[in-house]
Amino acid sequence: MAKIKFPFTLGVASGEPAPDGVMLWTRLAPDPLNGGGMPASSFDVRWEVAEDEAFGRLTASGTARAQPAGAHSVHVKVAGLRPSSVYFYRFRVDGHTSRVGRTKTAPAAGSTAPVRIAVASCQRYEHGYFTALKHLAAEQPDVVLHLGDYIYEYGKPAAPAPGRYVRPLKDSTAACTTLNAYRERYALYRLDPDLQAAHAAAPWLTIPDDHEVVNNYQGKTGDAKRRRAAYQANYEHLPYRVKPGGDAMQFYRWRPFGKVADLLLADVRQYRTPGDMLGPAQTTWLLDRLTTSAARWTVLAQPLFFAPRNPPSADAWDAFPASRAKILQAAPDDLVVLSGDVHNAWAGELDRGVEFVATAVSSAPPAVRDDALERNPHLRFFDGHRGYLVAHASMEEFTVDYRTVAYVDRPGAPVSTAASFRAVGNKLVRIDL
């Protein structure tokens, strides 16, 4: 068999950290924008985990099978690691070696050590550079939460809006509807060096929103074949612990970080009905987790704006007041909600707890009324720049830094902190910078 060209063009990633292990990911794709470029056969890929970046102290290793049916993606479940520990990993195949990734396991169940959580969402390739992710990578958080719109399925518009389309898509003007189209869209994004750096810097937890499938999709309506293709491509490009099953995939899950934080990731799309945002099974799961959580901070991570807004949004929790009320009734008084979707940064106070809304990595923002904060006194902060959040959770406090970049239409924007807040029950306290 002829030797393959360098296959690790899409980088490496880790995710789903547990106290004793993580998931590792890569995909073999010598020609990622043209079907991947791999032969129609399987390959054994060696993986290695070490305590040092030079791999002098190897901790675990093995081989994983990269198969054509999975676009030659590799998902490795690594166990037997120490809690709260940094490890380095890499992959090898056919004489080629991947870049080195850095990961970190979750704390032990009884740990009271602080946790740093980076939060990102909405990274539309055409709308700008992923400079925010370059800065996020430099922060080396304990875990990255990505709250949806990892890709955008749109085709290339016939007449792009001036100033918004700064990086072209591949030649096709068609939106993603097939498995190959979704695979190539993910490949385009994963070729971005800043996205690769962010994945290589820390483990990720991801929850899709709508654009991983199609704009504003809800529940089981629409094209089942398209959902199946979208979920499959999503799985093939991220380090999940579970696989899709047909046109469904269970994204909602609980990830504990010692005694400090319970991260509850909720899916606001797949189970939605006209009267229920989450669907019966997910609602039961979430309410049970909210009422039984023993962590200092219960953190609900999900894509959509949770707090009420005036004027209300038809594609947010405003459209599901009964679902929101159930959550707030079951939640502890110091609930923290982490959200994305709206391409701007917000901070707000809830009946129980607070909400921090991450802005977009690059997606263009919608227009916002000048009197938005005046009309919504429970919303305490707004910022219209691109960027991300960094949350600092400890047994004593939960604080959030709003990290922003000045521009995304060209590379190289510096990062700054627009504001910092401390959660105190259902109140937000501004921290002087």
Protein backbone atom coordinates (compact mmCIF):
# COMPACT_ATOMS: atom_id res chain seq x y z
CA MET A 1 0.00 0.00 0.00
CA ALA A 2 1.33 3.44 -0.93
CA LYS A 3 2.37 5.67 1.93
CA ILE A 4 -0.25 8.27 2.82
CA LYS A 5 0.53 11.97 2.93
CA PHE A 6 0.57 13.83 6.26
CA PRO A 7 -2.87 12.95 7.67
CA PHE A 8 -3.13 15.11 10.82
CA THR A 9 -4.15 18.29 9.00
CA LEU A 10 -7.16 18.87 11.28
CA GLY A 11 -5.18 18.78 14.50
CA VAL A 12 -5.98 16.95 17.71
CA ALA A 13 -8.48 17.39 20.53
CA SER A 14 -9.46 16.08 23.94
CA GLY A 15 -12.74 16.29 25.80
CA GLU A 16 -15.23 14.94 28.31
CA PRO A 17 -12.77 15.08 31.23
CA ALA A 18 -13.39 12.71 34.14
CA PRO A 19 -11.28 12.31 37.29
CA ASP A 20 -9.60 9.22 35.84
CA GLY A 21 -9.46 9.99 32.14
CA VAL A 22 -10.43 11.88 28.99
CA MET A 23 -11.46 11.29 25.41
CA LEU A 24 -8.87 11.89 22.70
CA TRP A 25 -9.66 12.73 19.06
CA THR A 26 -8.06 13.13 15.68
CA ARG A 27 -9.02 12.47 12.07
CA LEU A 28 -6.84 11.23 9.24
CA ALA A 29 -7.40 13.62 6.33
CA PRO A 30 -4.48 14.37 3.96
CA ASP A 31 -6.86 16.26 1.65
CA PRO A 32 -9.60 17.43 4.02
CA LEU A 33 -11.56 19.64 1.62
CA ASN A 34 -11.83 16.96 -1.03
CA GLY A 35 -13.31 13.99 0.75
CA GLY A 36 -10.43 13.54 3.17
CA GLY A 37 -7.94 12.00 0.77
CA MET A 38 -7.63 8.64 2.56
CA PRO A 39 -7.70 5.21 0.88
CA ALA A 40 -10.92 3.23 1.34
CA SER A 41 -9.33 1.01 4.00
CA SER A 42 -8.82 1.03 7.76
CA PHE A 43 -5.68 2.15 9.58
CA ASP A 44 -4.32 1.41 13.03
CA VAL A 45 -3.42 4.70 14.71
CA ARG A 46 -1.10 4.69 17.71
CA TRP A 47 -1.94 7.06 20.55
CA GLU A 48 0.29 8.07 23.44
CA VAL A 49 -0.32 9.94 26.69
CA ALA A 50 2.56 11.29 28.77
CA GLU A 51 3.22 13.42 31.82
CA ASP A 52 5.63 15.64 29.92
CA GLU A 53 5.51 17.34 26.54
CA ALA A 54 8.65 15.51 25.37
CA PHE A 55 6.98 12.15 26.09
CA GLY A 56 9.83 11.01 28.34
CA ARG A 57 7.34 9.75 30.95
CA LEU A 58 4.76 7.75 29.01
CA THR A 59 1.59 7.09 30.99
CA ALA A 60 -0.65 5.22 28.56
CA SER A 61 -0.61 4.12 24.94
CA GLY A 62 -2.41 1.88 22.49
CA THR A 63 -3.88 1.69 19.01
CA ALA A 64 -7.25 2.76 17.65
CA ARG A 65 -8.85 1.85 14.33
CA ALA A 66 -9.57 4.67 11.86
CA GLN A 67 -12.22 3.44 9.46
CA PRO A 68 -13.67 4.85 6.22
CA ALA A 69 -17.24 4.72 7.56
CA GLY A 70 -16.27 7.24 10.24
CA ALA A 71 -14.26 9.49 7.90
CA HIS A 72 -11.12 7.94 9.44
CA SER A 73 -11.83 9.76 12.72
CA VAL A 74 -10.38 8.37 15.94
CA HIS A 75 -12.02 8.45 19.37
CA VAL A 76 -9.94 7.06 22.24
CA LYS A 77 -11.25 6.63 25.77
CA VAL A 78 -8.27 6.94 28.09
CA ALA A 79 -8.67 5.71 31.67
CA GLY A 80 -6.36 5.16 34.64
CA LEU A 81 -5.17 8.77 34.88
CA ARG A 82 -4.79 10.87 38.03
CA PRO A 83 -7.41 13.53 38.96
CA SER A 84 -6.68 17.24 38.41
CA SER A 85 -3.59 16.41 36.38
CA VAL A 86 -2.17 17.79 33.14
CA TYR A 87 -1.19 15.30 30.44
CA PHE A 88 0.11 15.52 26.90
CA TYR A 89 -0.96 13.33 23.99
CA ARG A 90 -0.22 12.64 20.33
CA PHE A 91 -1.06 10.24 17.51
CA ARG A 92 1.11 8.32 15.03
CA VAL A 93 0.34 6.50 11.79
CA ASP A 94 2.33 5.40 8.73
CA GLY A 95 5.46 7.27 9.85
CA HIS A 96 3.61 10.53 10.60
CA THR A 97 3.22 12.15 14.04
CA SER A 98 0.51 14.63 15.01
CA ARG A 99 1.01 17.82 16.93
CA VAL A 100 1.08 17.45 20.71
CA GLY A 101 -2.10 18.25 22.62
CA ARG A 102 -2.45 19.26 26.25
CA THR A 103 -5.33 18.03 28.38
CA LYS A 104 -6.37 17.91 32.02
CA THR A 105 -8.46 15.47 34.00
CA ALA A 106 -11.36 16.59 36.19
CA PRO A 107 -10.92 16.86 39.97
CA ALA A 108 -11.67 13.95 42.29
CA ALA A 109 -15.15 13.78 43.77
CA GLY A 110 -14.08 15.32 47.09
CA SER A 111 -11.86 18.03 45.63
CA THR A 112 -12.34 21.65 46.68
CA ALA A 113 -9.73 22.97 44.23
CA PRO A 114 -10.85 25.94 42.08
CA VAL A 115 -11.93 25.36 38.47
CA ARG A 116 -11.40 27.67 35.47
CA ILE A 117 -13.98 27.31 32.70
CA ALA A 118 -13.73 29.05 29.33
CA VAL A 119 -17.00 29.55 27.43
CA ALA A 120 -17.29 30.12 23.68
CA SER A 121 -20.00 29.96 21.02
CA CYS A 122 -20.97 31.00 17.50
CA GLN A 123 -17.91 30.83 15.26
CA ARG A 124 -18.99 31.58 11.71
CA TYR A 125 -16.05 31.13 9.39
CA GLU A 126 -17.11 33.65 6.77
CA HIS A 127 -17.73 36.40 9.32
CA GLY A 128 -14.23 36.62 10.67
CA TYR A 129 -11.07 35.19 12.12
CA PHE A 130 -11.08 33.01 15.22
CA THR A 131 -8.62 35.26 17.04
CA ALA A 132 -10.63 34.95 20.25
CA LEU A 133 -9.84 31.24 20.30
CA LYS A 134 -6.13 31.96 19.99
CA HIS A 135 -6.34 34.01 23.18
CA LEU A 136 -8.56 31.41 24.83
CA ALA A 137 -5.89 28.79 24.13
CA ALA A 138 -3.26 30.93 25.86
CA GLU A 139 -5.41 30.99 29.02
CA GLN A 140 -5.12 27.17 29.32
CA PRO A 141 -8.42 26.74 31.20
CA ASP A 142 -9.29 23.51 32.97
CA VAL A 143 -12.12 22.94 30.49
CA VAL A 144 -13.69 24.71 27.51
CA LEU A 145 -17.47 24.82 27.17
CA HIS A 146 -18.60 25.39 23.60
CA LEU A 147 -22.29 26.30 23.58
CA GLY A 148 -23.23 25.76 19.98
CA ASP A 149 -22.95 26.95 16.39
CA TYR A 150 -19.56 25.29 16.08
CA ILE A 151 -20.16 25.43 12.33
CA TYR A 152 -22.71 27.23 10.17
CA GLU A 153 -24.46 25.20 7.52
CA TYR A 154 -25.25 28.12 5.20
CA GLY A 155 -24.12 28.21 1.59
CA LYS A 156 -22.29 31.12 0.03
CA PRO A 157 -24.72 34.00 -0.59
CA ALA A 158 -25.10 35.36 -4.09
CA ALA A 159 -24.56 38.92 -2.81
CA PRO A 160 -22.60 38.92 0.48
CA ALA A 161 -23.28 41.80 2.83
CA PRO A 162 -20.36 44.27 2.76
CA GLY A 163 -17.96 43.79 5.66
CA ARG A 164 -19.48 40.54 6.92
CA TYR A 165 -17.93 37.97 4.60
CA VAL A 166 -14.23 38.37 5.22
CA ARG A 167 -13.22 34.72 4.66
CA PRO A 168 -14.70 32.86 1.71
CA LEU A 169 -16.29 29.44 1.86
CA LYS A 170 -15.32 26.79 -0.63
CA ASP A 171 -16.73 27.46 -4.11
CA SER A 172 -20.09 25.76 -3.53
CA THR A 173 -23.05 28.07 -2.99
CA ALA A 174 -25.16 25.25 -1.55
CA ALA A 175 -25.99 24.82 2.13
CA CYS A 176 -24.90 21.61 3.85
CA THR A 177 -27.48 18.85 3.48
CA THR A 178 -25.41 15.70 2.88
CA LEU A 179 -22.85 13.86 5.00
CA ASN A 180 -19.99 14.79 2.67
CA ALA A 181 -21.01 18.45 2.72
CA TYR A 182 -21.12 18.56 6.53
CA ARG A 183 -17.78 16.73 6.69
CA GLU A 184 -16.13 19.27 4.42
CA ARG A 185 -17.61 22.18 6.37
CA TYR A 186 -16.20 20.80 9.62
CA ALA A 187 -12.88 20.23 7.86
CA LEU A 188 -12.79 23.86 6.70
CA TYR A 189 -13.31 25.03 10.29
CA ARG A 190 -10.86 22.52 11.77
CA LEU A 191 -8.14 23.73 9.42
CA ASP A 192 -8.23 27.09 11.21
CA PRO A 193 -5.01 27.40 13.28
CA ASP A 194 -6.67 29.27 16.16
CA LEU A 195 -9.41 26.65 16.53
CA GLN A 196 -6.74 23.94 16.42
CA ALA A 197 -4.77 25.75 19.12
CA ALA A 198 -7.80 26.02 21.40
CA HIS A 199 -8.54 22.32 21.05
CA ALA A 200 -4.91 21.43 21.70
CA ALA A 201 -4.75 23.58 24.85
CA ALA A 202 -7.50 22.06 27.01
CA PRO A 203 -10.31 19.48 27.05
CA TRP A 204 -13.66 20.56 25.59
CA LEU A 205 -17.31 19.93 26.38
CA THR A 206 -19.60 20.81 23.48
CA ILE A 207 -23.36 21.16 23.12
CA PRO A 208 -24.78 21.91 19.65
CA ASP A 209 -27.29 24.65 18.91
CA ASP A 210 -29.10 24.85 15.56
CA HIS A 211 -26.50 25.59 12.88
CA GLU A 212 -24.79 22.25 13.36
CA VAL A 213 -27.92 20.99 11.56
CA VAL A 214 -29.98 23.84 10.06
CA ASN A 215 -31.04 27.31 11.20
CA ASN A 216 -33.73 27.26 13.90
CA TYR A 217 -34.43 23.54 13.68
CA GLN A 218 -36.67 22.10 16.39
CA GLY A 219 -37.34 18.57 17.52
CA LYS A 220 -38.03 15.86 14.96
CA THR A 221 -39.56 18.14 12.36
CA GLY A 222 -37.81 18.47 9.02
CA ASP A 223 -35.43 16.14 7.21
CA ALA A 224 -34.40 13.07 9.25
CA LYS A 225 -31.72 12.18 6.70
CA ARG A 226 -30.18 15.62 7.06
CA ARG A 227 -30.17 15.37 10.87
CA ARG A 228 -28.52 11.96 10.62
CA ALA A 229 -25.78 13.37 8.40
CA ALA A 230 -25.29 16.42 10.62
CA TYR A 231 -24.99 14.41 13.85
CA GLN A 232 -22.61 11.93 12.22
CA ALA A 233 -20.29 14.68 10.97
CA ASN A 234 -20.47 16.44 14.34
CA TYR A 235 -19.40 13.25 16.10
CA GLU A 236 -16.60 12.63 13.61
CA HIS A 237 -14.98 15.98 14.40
CA LEU A 238 -15.29 16.24 18.19
CA PRO A 239 -14.15 14.11 21.18
CA TYR A 240 -17.52 12.78 22.40
CA ARG A 241 -17.97 9.75 24.66
CA VAL A 242 -21.19 8.68 22.89
CA LYS A 243 -22.01 7.95 19.26
CA PRO A 244 -25.05 9.09 17.28
CA GLY A 245 -27.88 6.64 16.78
CA GLY A 246 -29.52 7.33 13.44
CA ASP A 247 -31.02 10.81 13.43
CA ALA A 248 -30.51 11.27 17.19
CA MET A 249 -27.63 11.75 19.59
CA GLN A 250 -27.77 12.30 23.36
CA PHE A 251 -25.91 15.52 24.01
CA TYR A 252 -27.36 16.30 27.45
CA ARG A 253 -25.09 15.15 30.25
CA TRP A 254 -23.64 15.82 33.71
CA ARG A 255 -19.96 16.53 34.25
CA PRO A 256 -18.92 17.01 37.92
CA PHE A 257 -15.85 19.02 38.92
CA GLY A 258 -15.27 17.92 42.49
CA LYS A 259 -17.29 19.66 45.19
CA VAL A 260 -16.94 22.98 43.40
CA ALA A 261 -19.17 22.71 40.33
CA ASP A 262 -21.70 20.44 38.67
CA LEU A 263 -21.84 21.18 34.94
CA LEU A 264 -25.23 20.28 33.46
CA LEU A 265 -25.25 20.47 29.66
CA ALA A 266 -28.74 20.75 28.15
CA ASP A 267 -29.92 20.22 24.56
CA VAL A 268 -32.42 22.93 23.55
CA ARG A 269 -33.07 21.69 20.01
CA GLN A 270 -33.44 17.96 19.58
CA TYR A 271 -36.35 17.28 21.95
CA ARG A 272 -38.23 20.55 21.59
CA THR A 273 -42.00 20.55 21.09
CA PRO A 274 -44.36 23.55 20.81
CA GLY A 275 -44.86 23.57 24.59
CA ASP A 276 -41.63 22.13 25.97
CA MET A 277 -38.07 23.30 25.37
CA LEU A 278 -36.34 20.15 26.63
CA GLY A 279 -38.80 17.27 26.17
CA PRO A 280 -40.07 15.00 28.97
CA ALA A 281 -37.04 12.72 29.43
CA GLN A 282 -34.46 15.51 29.45
CA THR A 283 -36.63 17.66 31.71
CA THR A 284 -36.92 14.83 34.25
CA TRP A 285 -33.15 14.29 34.11
CA LEU A 286 -32.38 18.00 34.57
CA LEU A 287 -34.83 18.58 37.41
CA ASP A 288 -33.41 15.58 39.24
CA ARG A 289 -29.86 16.87 38.82
CA LEU A 290 -30.83 20.36 39.96
CA THR A 291 -32.52 19.11 43.13
CA THR A 292 -29.82 16.59 44.08
CA SER A 293 -26.66 18.52 43.22
CA ALA A 294 -24.37 18.79 46.23
CA ALA A 295 -21.75 20.96 44.55
CA ARG A 296 -21.08 24.51 45.68
CA TRP A 297 -22.15 25.79 42.23
CA THR A 298 -24.77 24.24 40.00
CA VAL A 299 -24.00 25.37 36.44
CA LEU A 300 -26.56 24.97 33.65
CA ALA A 301 -24.72 25.23 30.31
CA GLN A 302 -26.97 25.52 27.25
CA PRO A 303 -27.07 27.60 24.07
CA LEU A 304 -30.05 29.97 24.36
CA PHE A 305 -30.75 33.21 26.25
CA PHE A 306 -32.39 32.07 29.49
CA ALA A 307 -33.54 35.26 31.23
CA PRO A 308 -36.69 37.06 30.06
CA ARG A 309 -36.18 39.96 27.66
CA ASN A 310 -38.28 42.89 26.55
CA PRO A 311 -38.99 42.56 23.67
CA PRO A 312 -39.07 38.74 23.96
CA SER A 313 -37.43 36.35 21.51
CA ALA A 314 -39.33 33.59 19.74
CA ASP A 315 -36.19 31.41 19.69
CA ALA A 316 -35.15 31.59 23.34
CA TRP A 317 -36.53 30.59 26.74
CA ASP A 318 -39.01 33.47 26.50
CA ALA A 319 -41.02 31.23 24.18
CA PHE A 320 -41.09 28.47 26.83
CA PRO A 321 -41.95 30.20 30.12
CA ALA A 322 -43.33 27.02 31.72
CA SER A 323 -40.10 25.13 31.01
CA ARG A 324 -38.04 27.98 32.46
CA ALA A 325 -40.25 28.19 35.54
CA LYS A 326 -39.79 24.46 36.27
CA ILE A 327 -36.03 24.85 36.16
CA LEU A 328 -35.98 27.91 38.42
CA GLN A 329 -38.34 26.26 40.90
CA ALA A 330 -36.07 23.21 41.18
CA ALA A 331 -32.77 25.08 41.08
CA PRO A 332 -30.67 26.08 44.09
CA ASP A 333 -30.62 29.76 44.98
CA ASP A 334 -27.14 30.22 43.49
CA LEU A 335 -27.78 28.65 40.10
CA VAL A 336 -25.39 29.81 37.35
CA VAL A 337 -26.64 29.70 33.75
CA LEU A 338 -24.10 29.90 30.92
CA SER A 339 -25.52 30.75 27.49
CA GLY A 340 -24.54 31.82 23.97
CA ASP A 341 -26.38 32.18 20.63
CA VAL A 342 -27.07 35.94 20.51
CA HIS A 343 -23.60 37.11 19.30
CA ASN A 344 -23.32 39.70 22.08
CA ALA A 345 -22.25 39.53 25.72
CA TRP A 346 -24.83 39.94 28.49
CA ALA A 347 -25.06 39.40 32.24
CA GLY A 348 -28.37 39.14 34.08
CA GLU A 349 -30.06 38.32 37.36
CA LEU A 350 -32.66 35.54 37.64
CA ASP A 351 -35.32 34.74 40.23
CA ARG A 352 -32.78 32.18 41.44
CA GLY A 353 -29.19 32.65 40.42
CA VAL A 354 -27.58 34.56 37.57
CA GLU A 355 -26.89 34.22 33.86
CA PHE A 356 -23.71 34.93 31.91
CA VAL A 357 -24.13 35.07 28.12
CA ALA A 358 -21.03 34.55 25.98
CA THR A 359 -20.66 36.64 22.84
CA ALA A 360 -19.68 35.11 19.51
CA VAL A 361 -16.18 34.06 18.54
CA SER A 362 -16.70 35.64 15.11
CA SER A 363 -20.38 35.64 14.06
CA ALA A 364 -21.74 39.09 13.21
CA PRO A 365 -23.96 40.61 15.93
CA PRO A 366 -27.60 41.56 15.50
CA ALA A 367 -28.82 45.10 16.12
CA VAL A 368 -29.57 45.84 19.79
CA ARG A 369 -31.82 48.64 21.01
CA ASP A 370 -30.03 51.52 22.72
CA ASP A 371 -32.42 51.21 25.65
CA ALA A 372 -32.08 47.41 26.02
CA LEU A 373 -30.68 47.58 29.56
CA GLU A 374 -33.17 50.28 30.57
CA ARG A 375 -36.06 48.11 29.36
CA ASN A 376 -34.63 45.08 31.18
CA PRO A 377 -33.42 46.18 34.64
CA HIS A 378 -32.53 42.60 35.58
CA LEU A 379 -29.93 42.63 32.78
CA ARG A 380 -26.89 44.33 34.22
CA PHE A 381 -24.35 44.29 31.38
CA PHE A 382 -24.07 44.37 27.59
CA ASP A 383 -21.07 44.40 25.25
CA GLY A 384 -21.07 44.13 21.47
CA HIS A 385 -17.55 42.86 20.79
CA ARG A 386 -16.53 39.31 19.79
CA GLY A 387 -14.79 37.16 22.40
CA TYR A 388 -15.38 34.57 25.11
CA LEU A 389 -15.87 34.16 28.87
CA VAL A 390 -13.58 32.82 31.56
CA ALA A 391 -15.35 31.68 34.72
CA HIS A 392 -13.46 31.11 37.98
CA ALA A 393 -15.32 28.78 40.36
CA SER A 394 -14.19 28.06 43.90
CA MET A 395 -15.82 27.08 47.18
CA GLU A 396 -15.89 30.78 48.06
CA GLU A 397 -17.02 32.52 44.87
CA PHE A 398 -17.98 32.35 41.20
CA THR A 399 -16.57 35.13 39.02
CA VAL A 400 -16.63 35.73 35.28
CA ASP A 401 -14.35 37.78 33.05
CA TYR A 402 -15.76 38.99 29.72
CA ARG A 403 -12.79 38.72 27.35
CA THR A 404 -13.15 40.63 24.07
CA VAL A 405 -11.25 41.32 20.86
CA ALA A 406 -11.48 44.62 19.03
CA TYR A 407 -12.00 43.20 15.53
CA VAL A 408 -12.32 39.91 13.61
CA ASP A 409 -12.10 41.09 9.99
CA ARG A 410 -8.33 40.52 10.05
CA PRO A 411 -5.97 38.51 12.25
CA GLY A 412 -4.02 39.84 15.21
CA ALA A 413 -6.58 41.58 17.42
CA PRO A 414 -5.42 41.95 21.04
CA VAL A 415 -7.62 40.71 23.86
CA SER A 416 -8.88 42.72 26.83
CA THR A 417 -11.33 42.31 29.70
CA ALA A 418 -14.51 44.30 29.14
CA ALA A 419 -15.98 43.57 32.58
CA SER A 420 -15.83 41.16 35.50
CA PHE A 421 -18.67 40.05 37.77
CA ARG A 422 -19.13 38.03 40.93
CA ALA A 423 -22.27 35.96 41.51
CA VAL A 424 -23.82 36.50 44.93
CA GLY A 425 -27.03 34.47 45.12
CA ASN A 426 -29.25 35.99 42.46
CA LYS A 427 -27.28 39.23 42.34
CA LEU A 428 -24.35 40.35 40.21
CA VAL A 429 -21.55 42.39 41.74
CA ARG A 430 -19.30 44.28 39.33
CA ILE A 431 -15.60 43.79 40.04
CA ASP A 432 -13.38 46.80 39.47
CA LEU A 433 -10.70 46.07 36.88
